[in-house]
Amino acid sequence: FIGDKDVTNVAPKDRDIAMVFQSYALYPHMSVAENMGFALKIAGIAKE
């Protein structure tokens, strides 16, 4: 459970978690700002 929600069979993208890996997993062709904001861009968050 995360909070009151049973996430046992919930997809990773719908669990409202963020993971930091051992290998950093940064995109080499993107700037620091682009790397940090990429997940928000994919989620459709406005640029501002």
ModelCIF file with pLDDT and N, C-alpha, C, O atoms, coordinates in Angstrom:
data_MODEL
#
_entry.id   MODEL 
#
_entity.id                         1 
_entity.type                       polymer 
_entity.pdbx_number_of_molecules   1 
#
_entity_poly.entity_id                      1 
_entity_poly.type                           'polypeptide(L)' 
_entity_poly.nstd_linkage                   no 
_entity_poly.nstd_monomer                   no 
_entity_poly.pdbx_seq_one_letter_code       FIGDKDVTNVAPKDRDIAMVFQSYALYPHMSVAENMGFALKIAGIAKE 
_entity_poly.pdbx_seq_one_letter_code_can   FIGDKDVTNVAPKDRDIAMVFQSYALYPHMSVAENMGFALKIAGIAKE 
_entity_poly.pdbx_strand_id                 A 
#
loop_
_entity_poly_seq.entity_id 
_entity_poly_seq.num 
_entity_poly_seq.mon_id 
_entity_poly_seq.hetero 
1 1  PHE n 
1 2  ILE n 
1 3  GLY n 
1 4  ASP n 
1 5  LYS n 
1 6  ASP n 
1 7  VAL n 
1 8  THR n 
1 9  ASN n 
1 10 VAL n 
1 11 ALA n 
1 12 PRO n 
1 13 LYS n 
1 14 ASP n 
1 15 ARG n 
1 16 ASP n 
1 17 ILE n 
1 18 ALA n 
1 19 MET n 
1 20 VAL n 
1 21 PHE n 
1 22 GLN n 
1 23 SER n 
1 24 TYR n 
1 25 ALA n 
1 26 LEU n 
1 27 TYR n 
1 28 PRO n 
1 29 HIS n 
1 30 MET n 
1 31 SER n 
1 32 VAL n 
1 33 ALA n 
1 34 GLU n 
1 35 ASN n 
1 36 MET n 
1 37 GLY n 
1 38 PHE n 
1 39 ALA n 
1 40 LEU n 
1 41 LYS n 
1 42 ILE n 
1 43 ALA n 
1 44 GLY n 
1 45 ILE n 
1 46 ALA n 
1 47 LYS n 
1 48 GLU n 
#
_struct_asym.id          A 
_struct_asym.entity_id   1 
#
loop_
_ma_qa_metric.id 
_ma_qa_metric.mode 
_ma_qa_metric.name 
_ma_qa_metric.software_group_id 
_ma_qa_metric.type 
1 global pLDDT . pLDDT 
2 local  pLDDT . pLDDT 
#
_ma_qa_metric_global.metric_id      1 
_ma_qa_metric_global.metric_value   91.65 
_ma_qa_metric_global.model_id       1 
_ma_qa_metric_global.ordinal_id     1 
#
loop_
_ma_qa_metric_local.label_asym_id 
_ma_qa_metric_local.label_comp_id 
_ma_qa_metric_local.label_seq_id 
_ma_qa_metric_local.metric_id 
_ma_qa_metric_local.metric_value 
_ma_qa_metric_local.model_id 
_ma_qa_metric_local.ordinal_id 
A PHE 1  2 97.00 1 1  
A ILE 2  2 97.00 1 2  
A GLY 3  2 94.00 1 3  
A ASP 4  2 91.00 1 4  
A LYS 5  2 94.00 1 5  
A ASP 6  2 96.00 1 6  
A VAL 7  2 97.00 1 7  
A THR 8  2 96.00 1 8  
A ASN 9  2 94.00 1 9  
A VAL 10 2 95.00 1 10 
A ALA 11 2 95.00 1 11 
A PRO 12 2 93.00 1 12 
A LYS 13 2 89.00 1 13 
A ASP 14 2 92.00 1 14 
A ARG 15 2 94.00 1 15 
A ASP 16 2 92.00 1 16 
A ILE 17 2 94.00 1 17 
A ALA 18 2 92.00 1 18 
A MET 19 2 90.00 1 19 
A VAL 20 2 89.00 1 20 
A PHE 21 2 84.00 1 21 
A GLN 22 2 80.00 1 22 
A SER 23 2 81.00 1 23 
A TYR 24 2 79.00 1 24 
A ALA 25 2 83.00 1 25 
A LEU 26 2 90.00 1 26 
A TYR 27 2 92.00 1 27 
A PRO 28 2 92.00 1 28 
A HIS 29 2 95.00 1 29 
A MET 30 2 94.00 1 30 
A SER 31 2 95.00 1 31 
A VAL 32 2 95.00 1 32 
A ALA 33 2 95.00 1 33 
A GLU 34 2 93.00 1 34 
A ASN 35 2 94.00 1 35 
A MET 36 2 94.00 1 36 
A GLY 37 2 93.00 1 37 
A PHE 38 2 93.00 1 38 
A ALA 39 2 88.00 1 39 
A LEU 40 2 91.00 1 40 
A LYS 41 2 91.00 1 41 
A ILE 42 2 89.00 1 42 
A ALA 43 2 87.00 1 43 
A GLY 44 2 90.00 1 44 
A ILE 45 2 92.00 1 45 
A ALA 46 2 93.00 1 46 
A LYS 47 2 92.00 1 47 
A GLU 48 2 93.00 1 48 
#
loop_
_atom_site.group_PDB 
_atom_site.id 
_atom_site.type_symbol 
_atom_site.label_atom_id 
_atom_site.label_alt_id 
_atom_site.label_comp_id 
_atom_site.label_asym_id 
_atom_site.label_entity_id 
_atom_site.label_seq_id 
_atom_site.pdbx_PDB_ins_code 
_atom_site.Cartn_x 
_atom_site.Cartn_y 
_atom_site.Cartn_z 
_atom_site.occupancy 
_atom_site.B_iso_or_equiv 
_atom_site.pdbx_formal_charge 
_atom_site.auth_seq_id 
_atom_site.auth_comp_id 
_atom_site.auth_asym_id 
_atom_site.auth_atom_id 
_atom_site.pdbx_PDB_model_num 
ATOM 1   N N  . PHE A 1 1  ? 0.843  -1.197 0.000   1.00 97.00 ? 1  PHE A N  1 
ATOM 2   C CA . PHE A 1 1  ? 0.000  0.000  0.000   1.00 97.00 ? 1  PHE A CA 1 
ATOM 3   C C  . PHE A 1 1  ? 0.883  1.254  0.000   1.00 97.00 ? 1  PHE A C  1 
ATOM 4   O O  . PHE A 1 1  ? 1.894  1.315  0.700   1.00 97.00 ? 1  PHE A O  1 
ATOM 5   N N  . ILE A 1 2  ? 0.486  2.246  -0.791  1.00 97.00 ? 2  ILE A N  1 
ATOM 6   C CA . ILE A 1 2  ? 1.050  3.597  -0.698  1.00 97.00 ? 2  ILE A CA 1 
ATOM 7   C C  . ILE A 1 2  ? -0.097 4.490  -0.265  1.00 97.00 ? 2  ILE A C  1 
ATOM 8   O O  . ILE A 1 2  ? -1.055 4.698  -1.010  1.00 97.00 ? 2  ILE A O  1 
ATOM 9   N N  . GLY A 1 3  ? 0.011  5.018  0.952   1.00 94.00 ? 3  GLY A N  1 
ATOM 10  C CA . GLY A 1 3  ? -1.141 5.709  1.536   1.00 94.00 ? 3  GLY A CA 1 
ATOM 11  C C  . GLY A 1 3  ? -2.256 4.705  1.749   1.00 94.00 ? 3  GLY A C  1 
ATOM 12  O O  . GLY A 1 3  ? -2.029 3.626  2.296   1.00 94.00 ? 3  GLY A O  1 
ATOM 13  N N  . ASP A 1 4  ? -3.459 5.054  1.321   1.00 91.00 ? 4  ASP A N  1 
ATOM 14  C CA . ASP A 1 4  ? -4.608 4.150  1.460   1.00 91.00 ? 4  ASP A CA 1 
ATOM 15  C C  . ASP A 1 4  ? -4.820 3.293  0.213   1.00 91.00 ? 4  ASP A C  1 
ATOM 16  O O  . ASP A 1 4  ? -5.771 2.514  0.149   1.00 91.00 ? 4  ASP A O  1 
ATOM 17  N N  . LYS A 1 5  ? -3.943 3.433  -0.770  1.00 94.00 ? 5  LYS A N  1 
ATOM 18  C CA . LYS A 1 5  ? -4.150 2.774  -2.062  1.00 94.00 ? 5  LYS A CA 1 
ATOM 19  C C  . LYS A 1 5  ? -3.352 1.481  -2.160  1.00 94.00 ? 5  LYS A C  1 
ATOM 20  O O  . LYS A 1 5  ? -2.140 1.473  -1.943  1.00 94.00 ? 5  LYS A O  1 
ATOM 21  N N  . ASP A 1 6  ? -4.031 0.398  -2.486  1.00 96.00 ? 6  ASP A N  1 
ATOM 22  C CA . ASP A 1 6  ? -3.377 -0.878 -2.744  1.00 96.00 ? 6  ASP A CA 1 
ATOM 23  C C  . ASP A 1 6  ? -2.750 -0.806 -4.137  1.00 96.00 ? 6  ASP A C  1 
ATOM 24  O O  . ASP A 1 6  ? -3.461 -0.743 -5.139  1.00 96.00 ? 6  ASP A O  1 
ATOM 25  N N  . VAL A 1 7  ? -1.411 -0.815 -4.197  1.00 97.00 ? 7  VAL A N  1 
ATOM 26  C CA . VAL A 1 7  ? -0.715 -0.665 -5.484  1.00 97.00 ? 7  VAL A CA 1 
ATOM 27  C C  . VAL A 1 7  ? -0.131 -1.991 -5.972  1.00 97.00 ? 7  VAL A C  1 
ATOM 28  O O  . VAL A 1 7  ? 0.670  -2.004 -6.908  1.00 97.00 ? 7  VAL A O  1 
ATOM 29  N N  . THR A 1 8  ? -0.518 -3.092 -5.356  1.00 96.00 ? 8  THR A N  1 
ATOM 30  C CA . THR A 1 8  ? 0.057  -4.403 -5.679  1.00 96.00 ? 8  THR A CA 1 
ATOM 31  C C  . THR A 1 8  ? 0.043  -4.684 -7.175  1.00 96.00 ? 8  THR A C  1 
ATOM 32  O O  . THR A 1 8  ? 1.013  -5.210 -7.721  1.00 96.00 ? 8  THR A O  1 
ATOM 33  N N  . ASN A 1 9  ? -1.049 -4.337 -7.832  1.00 94.00 ? 9  ASN A N  1 
ATOM 34  C CA . ASN A 1 9  ? -1.183 -4.622 -9.266  1.00 94.00 ? 9  ASN A CA 1 
ATOM 35  C C  . ASN A 1 9  ? -1.271 -3.353 -10.106 1.00 94.00 ? 9  ASN A C  1 
ATOM 36  O O  . ASN A 1 9  ? -1.766 -3.378 -11.233 1.00 94.00 ? 9  ASN A O  1 
ATOM 37  N N  . VAL A 1 10 ? -0.785 -2.239 -9.551  1.00 95.00 ? 10 VAL A N  1 
ATOM 38  C CA . VAL A 1 10 ? -0.815 -0.957 -10.257 1.00 95.00 ? 10 VAL A CA 1 
ATOM 39  C C  . VAL A 1 10 ? 0.476  -0.788 -11.052 1.00 95.00 ? 10 VAL A C  1 
ATOM 40  O O  . VAL A 1 10 ? 1.548  -1.151 -10.568 1.00 95.00 ? 10 VAL A O  1 
ATOM 41  N N  . ALA A 1 11 ? 0.391  -0.248 -12.256 1.00 95.00 ? 11 ALA A N  1 
ATOM 42  C CA . ALA A 1 11 ? 1.573  -0.023 -13.103 1.00 95.00 ? 11 ALA A CA 1 
ATOM 43  C C  . ALA A 1 11 ? 2.523  0.969  -12.425 1.00 95.00 ? 11 ALA A C  1 
ATOM 44  O O  . ALA A 1 11 ? 2.071  1.858  -11.704 1.00 95.00 ? 11 ALA A O  1 
ATOM 45  N N  . PRO A 1 12 ? 3.838  0.824  -12.649 1.00 93.00 ? 12 PRO A N  1 
ATOM 46  C CA . PRO A 1 12 ? 4.818  1.727  -12.016 1.00 93.00 ? 12 PRO A CA 1 
ATOM 47  C C  . PRO A 1 12 ? 4.508  3.205  -12.240 1.00 93.00 ? 12 PRO A C  1 
ATOM 48  O O  . PRO A 1 12 ? 4.646  4.009  -11.317 1.00 93.00 ? 12 PRO A O  1 
ATOM 49  N N  . LYS A 1 13 ? 4.093  3.573  -13.450 1.00 89.00 ? 13 LYS A N  1 
ATOM 50  C CA . LYS A 1 13 ? 3.859  4.990  -13.759 1.00 89.00 ? 13 LYS A CA 1 
ATOM 51  C C  . LYS A 1 13 ? 2.679  5.576  -12.986 1.00 89.00 ? 13 LYS A C  1 
ATOM 52  O O  . LYS A 1 13 ? 2.550  6.796  -12.883 1.00 89.00 ? 13 LYS A O  1 
ATOM 53  N N  . ASP A 1 14 ? 1.819  4.714  -12.444 1.00 92.00 ? 14 ASP A N  1 
ATOM 54  C CA . ASP A 1 14 ? 0.635  5.185  -11.729 1.00 92.00 ? 14 ASP A CA 1 
ATOM 55  C C  . ASP A 1 14 ? 0.781  5.099  -10.210 1.00 92.00 ? 14 ASP A C  1 
ATOM 56  O O  . ASP A 1 14 ? -0.194 5.270  -9.479  1.00 92.00 ? 14 ASP A O  1 
ATOM 57  N N  . ARG A 1 15 ? 1.995  4.834  -9.740  1.00 94.00 ? 15 ARG A N  1 
ATOM 58  C CA . ARG A 1 15 ? 2.194  4.675  -8.294  1.00 94.00 ? 15 ARG A CA 1 
ATOM 59  C C  . ARG A 1 15 ? 2.600  5.969  -7.588  1.00 94.00 ? 15 ARG A C  1 
ATOM 60  O O  . ARG A 1 15 ? 2.692  6.001  -6.361  1.00 94.00 ? 15 ARG A O  1 
ATOM 61  N N  . ASP A 1 16 ? 2.841  7.023  -8.347  1.00 92.00 ? 16 ASP A N  1 
ATOM 62  C CA . ASP A 1 16 ? 3.251  8.319  -7.782  1.00 92.00 ? 16 ASP A CA 1 
ATOM 63  C C  . ASP A 1 16 ? 4.520  8.186  -6.950  1.00 92.00 ? 16 ASP A C  1 
ATOM 64  O O  . ASP A 1 16 ? 4.597  8.661  -5.817  1.00 92.00 ? 16 ASP A O  1 
ATOM 65  N N  . ILE A 1 17 ? 5.517  7.524  -7.545  1.00 94.00 ? 17 ILE A N  1 
ATOM 66  C CA . ILE A 1 17 ? 6.825  7.385  -6.901  1.00 94.00 ? 17 ILE A CA 1 
ATOM 67  C C  . ILE A 1 17 ? 7.891  7.912  -7.861  1.00 94.00 ? 17 ILE A C  1 
ATOM 68  O O  . ILE A 1 17 ? 7.656  8.006  -9.066  1.00 94.00 ? 17 ILE A O  1 
ATOM 69  N N  . ALA A 1 18 ? 9.051  8.253  -7.328  1.00 92.00 ? 18 ALA A N  1 
ATOM 70  C CA . ALA A 1 18 ? 10.195 8.643  -8.157  1.00 92.00 ? 18 ALA A CA 1 
ATOM 71  C C  . ALA A 1 18 ? 11.404 7.870  -7.664  1.00 92.00 ? 18 ALA A C  1 
ATOM 72  O O  . ALA A 1 18 ? 11.632 7.761  -6.460  1.00 92.00 ? 18 ALA A O  1 
ATOM 73  N N  . MET A 1 19 ? 12.185 7.330  -8.607  1.00 90.00 ? 19 MET A N  1 
ATOM 74  C CA . MET A 1 19 ? 13.288 6.439  -8.243  1.00 90.00 ? 19 MET A CA 1 
ATOM 75  C C  . MET A 1 19 ? 14.620 7.043  -8.670  1.00 90.00 ? 19 MET A C  1 
ATOM 76  O O  . MET A 1 19 ? 14.748 7.592  -9.765  1.00 90.00 ? 19 MET A O  1 
ATOM 77  N N  . VAL A 1 20 ? 15.617 6.931  -7.780  1.00 89.00 ? 20 VAL A N  1 
ATOM 78  C CA . VAL A 1 20 ? 16.985 7.356  -8.083  1.00 89.00 ? 20 VAL A CA 1 
ATOM 79  C C  . VAL A 1 20 ? 17.846 6.104  -8.136  1.00 89.00 ? 20 VAL A C  1 
ATOM 80  O O  . VAL A 1 20 ? 17.939 5.362  -7.158  1.00 89.00 ? 20 VAL A O  1 
ATOM 81  N N  . PHE A 1 21 ? 18.476 5.874  -9.284  1.00 84.00 ? 21 PHE A N  1 
ATOM 82  C CA . PHE A 1 21 ? 19.234 4.641  -9.493  1.00 84.00 ? 21 PHE A CA 1 
ATOM 83  C C  . PHE A 1 21 ? 20.722 4.839  -9.200  1.00 84.00 ? 21 PHE A C  1 
ATOM 84  O O  . PHE A 1 21 ? 21.221 5.961  -9.120  1.00 84.00 ? 21 PHE A O  1 
ATOM 85  N N  . GLN A 1 22 ? 21.400 3.722  -9.046  1.00 80.00 ? 22 GLN A N  1 
ATOM 86  C CA . GLN A 1 22 ? 22.849 3.710  -8.832  1.00 80.00 ? 22 GLN A CA 1 
ATOM 87  C C  . GLN A 1 22 ? 23.594 4.304  -10.023 1.00 80.00 ? 22 GLN A C  1 
ATOM 88  O O  . GLN A 1 22 ? 24.627 4.952  -9.855  1.00 80.00 ? 22 GLN A O  1 
ATOM 89  N N  . SER A 1 23 ? 23.068 4.082  -11.227 1.00 81.00 ? 23 SER A N  1 
ATOM 90  C CA . SER A 1 23 ? 23.803 4.445  -12.447 1.00 81.00 ? 23 SER A CA 1 
ATOM 91  C C  . SER A 1 23 ? 23.482 5.846  -12.982 1.00 81.00 ? 23 SER A C  1 
ATOM 92  O O  . SER A 1 23 ? 23.952 6.213  -14.059 1.00 81.00 ? 23 SER A O  1 
ATOM 93  N N  . TYR A 1 24 ? 22.686 6.632  -12.245 1.00 79.00 ? 24 TYR A N  1 
ATOM 94  C CA . TYR A 1 24 ? 22.261 7.987  -12.617 1.00 79.00 ? 24 TYR A CA 1 
ATOM 95  C C  . TYR A 1 24 ? 21.249 7.953  -13.765 1.00 79.00 ? 24 TYR A C  1 
ATOM 96  O O  . TYR A 1 24 ? 20.206 8.602  -13.682 1.00 79.00 ? 24 TYR A O  1 
ATOM 97  N N  . ALA A 1 25 ? 21.548 7.185  -14.864 1.00 83.00 ? 25 ALA A N  1 
ATOM 98  C CA . ALA A 1 25 ? 20.636 7.035  -16.008 1.00 83.00 ? 25 ALA A CA 1 
ATOM 99  C C  . ALA A 1 25 ? 20.230 8.383  -16.595 1.00 83.00 ? 25 ALA A C  1 
ATOM 100 O O  . ALA A 1 25 ? 19.048 8.626  -16.840 1.00 83.00 ? 25 ALA A O  1 
ATOM 101 N N  . LEU A 1 26 ? 21.208 9.261  -16.820 1.00 90.00 ? 26 LEU A N  1 
ATOM 102 C CA . LEU A 1 26 ? 20.944 10.564 -17.451 1.00 90.00 ? 26 LEU A CA 1 
ATOM 103 C C  . LEU A 1 26 ? 21.049 10.435 -18.969 1.00 90.00 ? 26 LEU A C  1 
ATOM 104 O O  . LEU A 1 26 ? 21.798 9.605  -19.483 1.00 90.00 ? 26 LEU A O  1 
ATOM 105 N N  . TYR A 1 27 ? 20.292 11.265 -19.671 1.00 92.00 ? 27 TYR A N  1 
ATOM 106 C CA . TYR A 1 27 ? 20.370 11.290 -21.134 1.00 92.00 ? 27 TYR A CA 1 
ATOM 107 C C  . TYR A 1 27 ? 21.574 12.136 -21.539 1.00 92.00 ? 27 TYR A C  1 
ATOM 108 O O  . TYR A 1 27 ? 21.601 13.329 -21.234 1.00 92.00 ? 27 TYR A O  1 
ATOM 109 N N  . PRO A 1 28 ? 22.572 11.562 -22.217 1.00 92.00 ? 28 PRO A N  1 
ATOM 110 C CA . PRO A 1 28 ? 23.820 12.293 -22.486 1.00 92.00 ? 28 PRO A CA 1 
ATOM 111 C C  . PRO A 1 28 ? 23.652 13.470 -23.449 1.00 92.00 ? 28 PRO A C  1 
ATOM 112 O O  . PRO A 1 28 ? 24.433 14.420 -23.400 1.00 92.00 ? 28 PRO A O  1 
ATOM 113 N N  . HIS A 1 29 ? 22.640 13.416 -24.325 1.00 95.00 ? 29 HIS A N  1 
ATOM 114 C CA . HIS A 1 29 ? 22.465 14.476 -25.323 1.00 95.00 ? 29 HIS A CA 1 
ATOM 115 C C  . HIS A 1 29 ? 21.630 15.649 -24.789 1.00 95.00 ? 29 HIS A C  1 
ATOM 116 O O  . HIS A 1 29 ? 21.468 16.660 -25.472 1.00 95.00 ? 29 HIS A O  1 
ATOM 117 N N  . MET A 1 30 ? 21.104 15.510 -23.570 1.00 94.00 ? 30 MET A N  1 
ATOM 118 C CA . MET A 1 30 ? 20.279 16.563 -22.981 1.00 94.00 ? 30 MET A CA 1 
ATOM 119 C C  . MET A 1 30 ? 21.070 17.368 -21.956 1.00 94.00 ? 30 MET A C  1 
ATOM 120 O O  . MET A 1 30 ? 21.994 16.851 -21.328 1.00 94.00 ? 30 MET A O  1 
ATOM 121 N N  . SER A 1 31 ? 20.704 18.625 -21.793 1.00 95.00 ? 31 SER A N  1 
ATOM 122 C CA . SER A 1 31 ? 21.295 19.451 -20.735 1.00 95.00 ? 31 SER A CA 1 
ATOM 123 C C  . SER A 1 31 ? 20.775 19.009 -19.377 1.00 95.00 ? 31 SER A C  1 
ATOM 124 O O  . SER A 1 31 ? 19.861 18.190 -19.283 1.00 95.00 ? 31 SER A O  1 
ATOM 125 N N  . VAL A 1 32 ? 21.370 19.561 -18.332 1.00 95.00 ? 32 VAL A N  1 
ATOM 126 C CA . VAL A 1 32 ? 20.913 19.265 -16.977 1.00 95.00 ? 32 VAL A CA 1 
ATOM 127 C C  . VAL A 1 32 ? 19.439 19.646 -16.823 1.00 95.00 ? 32 VAL A C  1 
ATOM 128 O O  . VAL A 1 32 ? 18.650 18.873 -16.278 1.00 95.00 ? 32 VAL A O  1 
ATOM 129 N N  . ALA A 1 33 ? 19.072 20.828 -17.300 1.00 95.00 ? 33 ALA A N  1 
ATOM 130 C CA . ALA A 1 33 ? 17.683 21.285 -17.175 1.00 95.00 ? 33 ALA A CA 1 
ATOM 131 C C  . ALA A 1 33 ? 16.731 20.355 -17.936 1.00 95.00 ? 33 ALA A C  1 
ATOM 132 O O  . ALA A 1 33 ? 15.651 20.023 -17.448 1.00 95.00 ? 33 ALA A O  1 
ATOM 133 N N  . GLU A 1 34 ? 17.148 19.940 -19.138 1.00 93.00 ? 34 GLU A N  1 
ATOM 134 C CA . GLU A 1 34 ? 16.303 19.045 -19.936 1.00 93.00 ? 34 GLU A CA 1 
ATOM 135 C C  . GLU A 1 34 ? 16.165 17.676 -19.284 1.00 93.00 ? 34 GLU A C  1 
ATOM 136 O O  . GLU A 1 34 ? 15.086 17.085 -19.300 1.00 93.00 ? 34 GLU A O  1 
ATOM 137 N N  . ASN A 1 35 ? 17.260 17.167 -18.707 1.00 94.00 ? 35 ASN A N  1 
ATOM 138 C CA . ASN A 1 35 ? 17.203 15.892 -17.988 1.00 94.00 ? 35 ASN A CA 1 
ATOM 139 C C  . ASN A 1 35 ? 16.236 15.972 -16.819 1.00 94.00 ? 35 ASN A C  1 
ATOM 140 O O  . ASN A 1 35 ? 15.428 15.067 -16.610 1.00 94.00 ? 35 ASN A O  1 
ATOM 141 N N  . MET A 1 36 ? 16.321 17.067 -16.051 1.00 94.00 ? 36 MET A N  1 
ATOM 142 C CA . MET A 1 36 ? 15.489 17.201 -14.860 1.00 94.00 ? 36 MET A CA 1 
ATOM 143 C C  . MET A 1 36 ? 14.011 17.355 -15.215 1.00 94.00 ? 36 MET A C  1 
ATOM 144 O O  . MET A 1 36 ? 13.139 16.897 -14.477 1.00 94.00 ? 36 MET A O  1 
ATOM 145 N N  . GLY A 1 37 ? 13.737 17.997 -16.343 1.00 93.00 ? 37 GLY A N  1 
ATOM 146 C CA . GLY A 1 37 ? 12.346 18.270 -16.690 1.00 93.00 ? 37 GLY A CA 1 
ATOM 147 C C  . GLY A 1 37 ? 11.724 17.308 -17.672 1.00 93.00 ? 37 GLY A C  1 
ATOM 148 O O  . GLY A 1 37 ? 10.562 17.468 -18.046 1.00 93.00 ? 37 GLY A O  1 
ATOM 149 N N  . PHE A 1 38 ? 12.493 16.290 -18.105 1.00 93.00 ? 38 PHE A N  1 
ATOM 150 C CA . PHE A 1 38 ? 12.014 15.420 -19.178 1.00 93.00 ? 38 PHE A CA 1 
ATOM 151 C C  . PHE A 1 38 ? 10.735 14.658 -18.800 1.00 93.00 ? 38 PHE A C  1 
ATOM 152 O O  . PHE A 1 38 ? 9.797  14.576 -19.593 1.00 93.00 ? 38 PHE A O  1 
ATOM 153 N N  . ALA A 1 39 ? 10.709 14.108 -17.593 1.00 88.00 ? 39 ALA A N  1 
ATOM 154 C CA . ALA A 1 39 ? 9.519  13.352 -17.170 1.00 88.00 ? 39 ALA A CA 1 
ATOM 155 C C  . ALA A 1 39 ? 8.281  14.247 -17.120 1.00 88.00 ? 39 ALA A C  1 
ATOM 156 O O  . ALA A 1 39 ? 7.172  13.799 -17.412 1.00 88.00 ? 39 ALA A O  1 
ATOM 157 N N  . LEU A 1 40 ? 8.478  15.516 -16.747 1.00 91.00 ? 40 LEU A N  1 
ATOM 158 C CA . LEU A 1 40 ? 7.355  16.452 -16.716 1.00 91.00 ? 40 LEU A CA 1 
ATOM 159 C C  . LEU A 1 40 ? 6.869  16.758 -18.135 1.00 91.00 ? 40 LEU A C  1 
ATOM 160 O O  . LEU A 1 40 ? 5.670  16.904 -18.375 1.00 91.00 ? 40 LEU A O  1 
ATOM 161 N N  . LYS A 1 41 ? 7.826  16.852 -19.074 1.00 91.00 ? 41 LYS A N  1 
ATOM 162 C CA . LYS A 1 41 ? 7.465  17.107 -20.474 1.00 91.00 ? 41 LYS A CA 1 
ATOM 163 C C  . LYS A 1 41 ? 6.627  15.961 -21.026 1.00 91.00 ? 41 LYS A C  1 
ATOM 164 O O  . LYS A 1 41 ? 5.618  16.179 -21.697 1.00 91.00 ? 41 LYS A O  1 
ATOM 165 N N  . ILE A 1 42 ? 7.067  14.723 -20.730 1.00 89.00 ? 42 ILE A N  1 
ATOM 166 C CA . ILE A 1 42 ? 6.333  13.541 -21.185 1.00 89.00 ? 42 ILE A CA 1 
ATOM 167 C C  . ILE A 1 42 ? 4.925  13.510 -20.581 1.00 89.00 ? 42 ILE A C  1 
ATOM 168 O O  . ILE A 1 42 ? 3.968  13.066 -21.216 1.00 89.00 ? 42 ILE A O  1 
ATOM 169 N N  . ALA A 1 43 ? 4.825  13.996 -19.332 1.00 87.00 ? 43 ALA A N  1 
ATOM 170 C CA . ALA A 1 43 ? 3.526  14.001 -18.641 1.00 87.00 ? 43 ALA A CA 1 
ATOM 171 C C  . ALA A 1 43 ? 2.613  15.131 -19.109 1.00 87.00 ? 43 ALA A C  1 
ATOM 172 O O  . ALA A 1 43 ? 1.466  15.230 -18.673 1.00 87.00 ? 43 ALA A O  1 
ATOM 173 N N  . GLY A 1 44 ? 3.131  15.993 -20.009 1.00 90.00 ? 44 GLY A N  1 
ATOM 174 C CA . GLY A 1 44 ? 2.301  17.059 -20.556 1.00 90.00 ? 44 GLY A CA 1 
ATOM 175 C C  . GLY A 1 44 ? 2.215  18.301 -19.687 1.00 90.00 ? 44 GLY A C  1 
ATOM 176 O O  . GLY A 1 44 ? 1.302  19.110 -19.851 1.00 90.00 ? 44 GLY A O  1 
ATOM 177 N N  . ILE A 1 45 ? 3.160  18.463 -18.760 1.00 92.00 ? 45 ILE A N  1 
ATOM 178 C CA . ILE A 1 45 ? 3.176  19.657 -17.902 1.00 92.00 ? 45 ILE A CA 1 
ATOM 179 C C  . ILE A 1 45 ? 3.603  20.863 -18.731 1.00 92.00 ? 45 ILE A C  1 
ATOM 180 O O  . ILE A 1 45 ? 4.534  20.765 -19.530 1.00 92.00 ? 45 ILE A O  1 
ATOM 181 N N  . ALA A 1 46 ? 2.938  21.992 -18.551 1.00 93.00 ? 46 ALA A N  1 
ATOM 182 C CA . ALA A 1 46 ? 3.242  23.207 -19.313 1.00 93.00 ? 46 ALA A CA 1 
ATOM 183 C C  . ALA A 1 46 ? 4.683  23.654 -19.083 1.00 93.00 ? 46 ALA A C  1 
ATOM 184 O O  . ALA A 1 46 ? 5.249  23.439 -18.011 1.00 93.00 ? 46 ALA A O  1 
ATOM 185 N N  . LYS A 1 47 ? 5.272  24.287 -20.114 1.00 92.00 ? 47 LYS A N  1 
ATOM 186 C CA . LYS A 1 47 ? 6.683  24.667 -20.043 1.00 92.00 ? 47 LYS A CA 1 
ATOM 187 C C  . LYS A 1 47 ? 6.965  25.602 -18.876 1.00 92.00 ? 47 LYS A C  1 
ATOM 188 O O  . LYS A 1 47 ? 7.987  25.452 -18.206 1.00 92.00 ? 47 LYS A O  1 
ATOM 189 N N  . GLU A 1 48 ? 6.095  26.552 -18.622 1.00 93.00 ? 48 GLU A N  1 
ATOM 190 C CA . GLU A 1 48 ? 6.313  27.504 -17.528 1.00 93.00 ? 48 GLU A CA 1 
ATOM 191 C C  . GLU A 1 48 ? 6.391  26.767 -16.185 1.00 93.00 ? 48 GLU A C  1 
ATOM 192 O O  . GLU A 1 48 ? 6.572  27.399 -15.144 1.00 93.00 ? 48 GLU A O  1 
#
